[in-house]
Amino acid sequence: MKITDEELKALVASLAISQKETNEQMKKTDEIIKKNEEKLIRMGITLGNIGKNNGAVAEDFFYSSLSKKKKLGNIKYDEIGQHWQKDLKNVRGEYDIVMINGKEVALVEVKYKIHHYDVESMEKQIKNFKILFPDYKDYKIRGAFASLAMSKKAEEEILRNGYFALKQQGEHVEVVSPEY
């Protein structure tokens, strides 16, 4: 099949027009993608801020409640601190609430909503605390989890591991402790 010069010119012209239309559509698509990327970035920032704010609400609630009585279960503490952080070589620790008496330290991990799988982190936190804060290495270290939303499964896992579970009860905190 032979193509005439006129047919070839018409075909090339048609391809050029199609290519131009394709390029214009790709440019529009790129603009839409860019706008969506910007929206997703803003949404991510917003969601991250919501998470931080929820965490701050939970921390303030439990710190305020624990500061009044300085007590976990039947154990009385003399001091309470918030936001302890320390880096030492390859060891890093962040502790939401720290309660101290003459022989014990309680490390309270605060979560807006705790899950049963969060519990496994406490053993490492206790180990790192003794390294980062050697003044307390001979103290008994107790773990506790405080949460505004705690499933029964999470509470069971916390207690099974010998830690305290602090739950919001209306305007009050209910401390559920393992047997000591």
Protein backbone atom coordinates (compact mmCIF):
# COMPACT_ATOMS: atom_id res chain seq x y z
CA MET A 1 0.00 0.00 0.00
CA LYS A 2 1.39 3.30 -1.10
CA ILE A 3 0.84 6.58 0.64
CA THR A 4 0.82 9.79 -1.32
CA ASP A 5 2.73 12.87 -0.29
CA GLU A 6 -0.54 14.60 0.52
CA GLU A 7 -1.69 11.69 2.69
CA LEU A 8 1.69 11.62 4.44
CA LYS A 9 1.53 15.37 5.11
CA ALA A 10 -2.02 15.03 6.43
CA LEU A 11 -0.96 12.14 8.69
CA VAL A 12 2.04 14.06 10.05
CA ALA A 13 -0.17 17.13 10.64
CA SER A 14 -2.74 14.96 12.39
CA LEU A 15 -0.02 13.40 14.60
CA ALA A 16 1.34 16.85 15.44
CA ILE A 17 -2.12 18.01 16.50
CA SER A 18 -2.66 14.85 18.56
CA GLN A 19 0.76 15.27 20.20
CA LYS A 20 -0.04 18.91 21.07
CA GLU A 21 -3.38 17.87 22.59
CA THR A 22 -1.66 15.08 24.55
CA ASN A 23 1.00 17.51 25.82
CA GLU A 24 -1.69 19.99 26.93
CA GLN A 25 -3.62 17.24 28.72
CA MET A 26 -0.42 16.01 30.42
CA LYS A 27 0.30 19.57 31.58
CA LYS A 28 -3.22 19.80 33.07
CA THR A 29 -2.77 16.41 34.71
CA ASP A 30 0.58 17.49 36.18
CA GLU A 31 -1.06 20.62 37.62
CA ILE A 32 -3.83 18.53 39.19
CA ILE A 33 -1.27 16.12 40.66
CA LYS A 34 0.75 19.02 42.08
CA LYS A 35 -2.36 20.53 43.71
CA ASN A 36 -3.30 17.14 45.17
CA GLU A 37 0.24 16.64 46.51
CA GLU A 38 0.05 20.02 48.22
CA LYS A 39 -3.33 19.11 49.72
CA LEU A 40 -1.99 15.76 50.94
CA ILE A 41 1.00 17.46 52.55
CA ARG A 42 -1.30 19.94 54.34
CA MET A 43 -3.57 17.07 55.43
CA GLY A 44 -0.58 15.13 56.76
CA ILE A 45 0.56 18.14 58.76
CA THR A 46 -2.96 18.65 60.10
CA LEU A 47 -3.31 14.99 61.10
CA GLY A 48 0.11 15.04 62.73
CA ASN A 49 -0.88 18.12 64.73
CA ILE A 50 -4.12 16.47 65.80
CA GLY A 51 -2.16 13.46 67.05
CA LYS A 52 0.29 15.68 68.95
CA ASN A 53 -2.55 17.69 70.45
CA ASN A 54 -4.39 14.54 71.54
CA GLY A 55 -1.20 13.26 73.15
CA ALA A 56 -0.67 16.58 74.93
CA VAL A 57 -4.24 16.50 76.26
CA ALA A 58 -3.72 13.00 77.64
CA GLU A 59 -0.34 13.89 79.19
CA ASP A 60 -1.71 17.03 80.84
CA PHE A 61 -4.73 15.17 82.18
CA PHE A 62 -2.72 12.36 83.78
CA TYR A 63 0.09 14.60 85.01
CA SER A 64 -2.41 16.90 86.69
CA SER A 65 -4.25 13.97 88.27
CA LEU A 66 -1.11 12.21 89.48
CA SER A 67 0.44 15.44 90.80
CA LYS A 68 -2.38 15.85 93.30
CA LYS A 69 -1.95 12.54 95.15
CA LYS A 70 1.48 11.37 93.92
CA LYS A 71 0.28 7.81 94.29
CA LEU A 72 0.07 4.66 92.13
CA GLY A 73 -2.09 2.00 93.73
CA ASN A 74 -0.89 1.91 97.36
CA ILE A 75 2.57 3.27 96.56
CA LYS A 76 3.23 6.87 97.60
CA TYR A 77 5.76 8.99 95.70
CA ASP A 78 7.48 12.18 96.84
CA GLU A 79 8.30 13.75 93.48
CA ILE A 80 6.74 13.84 90.07
CA GLY A 81 8.27 15.09 86.83
CA GLN A 82 7.16 15.41 83.26
CA HIS A 83 8.90 15.12 79.89
CA TRP A 84 12.21 13.61 80.97
CA GLN A 85 14.52 13.15 77.97
CA LYS A 86 18.11 12.16 77.68
CA ASP A 87 20.54 10.99 75.00
CA LEU A 88 23.71 9.13 75.87
CA LYS A 89 25.84 7.55 73.15
CA ASN A 90 23.51 4.98 71.53
CA VAL A 91 20.82 5.15 74.21
CA ARG A 92 17.90 7.55 74.04
CA GLY A 93 14.96 7.86 76.36
CA GLU A 94 11.78 9.88 76.59
CA TYR A 95 9.61 9.53 79.67
CA ASP A 96 6.19 11.18 79.83
CA ILE A 97 5.77 11.11 83.63
CA VAL A 98 8.35 10.06 86.23
CA MET A 99 7.42 9.54 89.89
CA ILE A 100 10.08 9.05 92.57
CA ASN A 101 10.25 8.16 96.25
CA GLY A 102 13.31 7.10 98.26
CA LYS A 103 13.49 3.60 96.79
CA GLU A 104 11.28 3.40 93.71
CA VAL A 105 10.72 5.10 90.37
CA ALA A 106 7.51 4.81 88.38
CA LEU A 107 7.70 5.43 84.64
CA VAL A 108 4.31 6.38 83.24
CA GLU A 109 3.91 6.08 79.47
CA VAL A 110 0.95 8.18 78.35
CA LYS A 111 -1.00 7.45 75.18
CA TYR A 112 -4.22 9.00 73.94
CA LYS A 113 -5.25 5.47 72.94
CA ILE A 114 -3.19 2.49 73.95
CA HIS A 115 -3.03 -0.82 72.12
CA HIS A 116 -1.97 -4.17 73.55
CA TYR A 117 1.15 -4.19 71.36
CA ASP A 118 2.37 -0.91 72.93
CA VAL A 119 3.07 -2.74 76.18
CA GLU A 120 6.20 -4.54 74.97
CA SER A 121 8.11 -1.23 74.84
CA MET A 122 8.18 -0.77 78.64
CA GLU A 123 10.93 -3.30 79.36
CA LYS A 124 13.31 -1.41 77.07
CA GLN A 125 12.27 1.92 78.59
CA ILE A 126 13.09 0.61 82.07
CA LYS A 127 16.46 -0.76 80.93
CA ASN A 128 17.34 2.52 79.20
CA PHE A 129 16.22 4.58 82.20
CA LYS A 130 18.75 2.81 84.42
CA ILE A 131 21.50 3.59 81.89
CA LEU A 132 20.46 7.19 81.27
CA PHE A 133 19.77 8.05 84.91
CA PRO A 134 22.37 6.07 86.89
CA ASP A 135 21.39 7.77 90.17
CA TYR A 136 18.32 5.52 90.09
CA LYS A 137 19.93 2.29 88.88
CA ASP A 138 19.46 0.60 92.27
CA TYR A 139 15.85 1.75 92.63
CA LYS A 140 12.96 -0.56 91.90
CA ILE A 141 11.54 0.65 88.59
CA ARG A 142 7.82 0.22 88.04
CA GLY A 143 6.06 0.65 84.73
CA ALA A 144 2.67 2.19 84.12
CA PHE A 145 0.53 3.00 81.10
CA ALA A 146 -1.97 5.85 81.16
CA SER A 147 -4.55 6.23 78.43
CA LEU A 148 -7.78 8.06 77.76
CA ALA A 149 -8.90 5.08 75.65
CA MET A 150 -7.87 1.59 76.73
CA SER A 151 -9.29 -1.64 75.38
CA LYS A 152 -9.82 -4.60 77.69
CA LYS A 153 -7.14 -6.49 75.74
CA ALA A 154 -4.62 -3.68 76.33
CA GLU A 155 -5.48 -3.54 80.05
CA GLU A 156 -5.07 -7.31 80.36
CA GLU A 157 -1.68 -7.16 78.62
CA ILE A 158 -0.53 -4.33 80.88
CA LEU A 159 -1.52 -6.18 84.04
CA ARG A 160 -0.15 -9.51 82.78
CA ASN A 161 3.25 -7.82 82.49
CA GLY A 162 3.05 -6.44 86.03
CA TYR A 163 2.48 -2.80 85.12
CA PHE A 164 -0.07 -0.29 86.32
CA ALA A 165 -2.97 0.69 84.05
CA LEU A 166 -4.27 4.23 84.48
CA LYS A 167 -7.62 4.93 82.85
CA GLN A 168 -9.81 7.97 82.69
CA GLN A 169 -12.96 7.59 84.76
CA GLY A 170 -15.08 10.65 84.02
CA GLU A 171 -13.04 13.48 85.49
CA HIS A 172 -10.96 11.12 87.62
CA VAL A 173 -8.20 8.58 87.07
CA GLU A 174 -8.72 4.98 88.04
CA VAL A 175 -5.50 3.09 88.79
CA VAL A 176 -5.68 -0.64 88.23
CA SER A 177 -2.58 -2.34 89.58
CA PRO A 178 -1.17 -5.84 89.53
CA GLU A 179 -0.98 -7.60 92.89
CA TYR A 180 1.91 -6.27 95.02
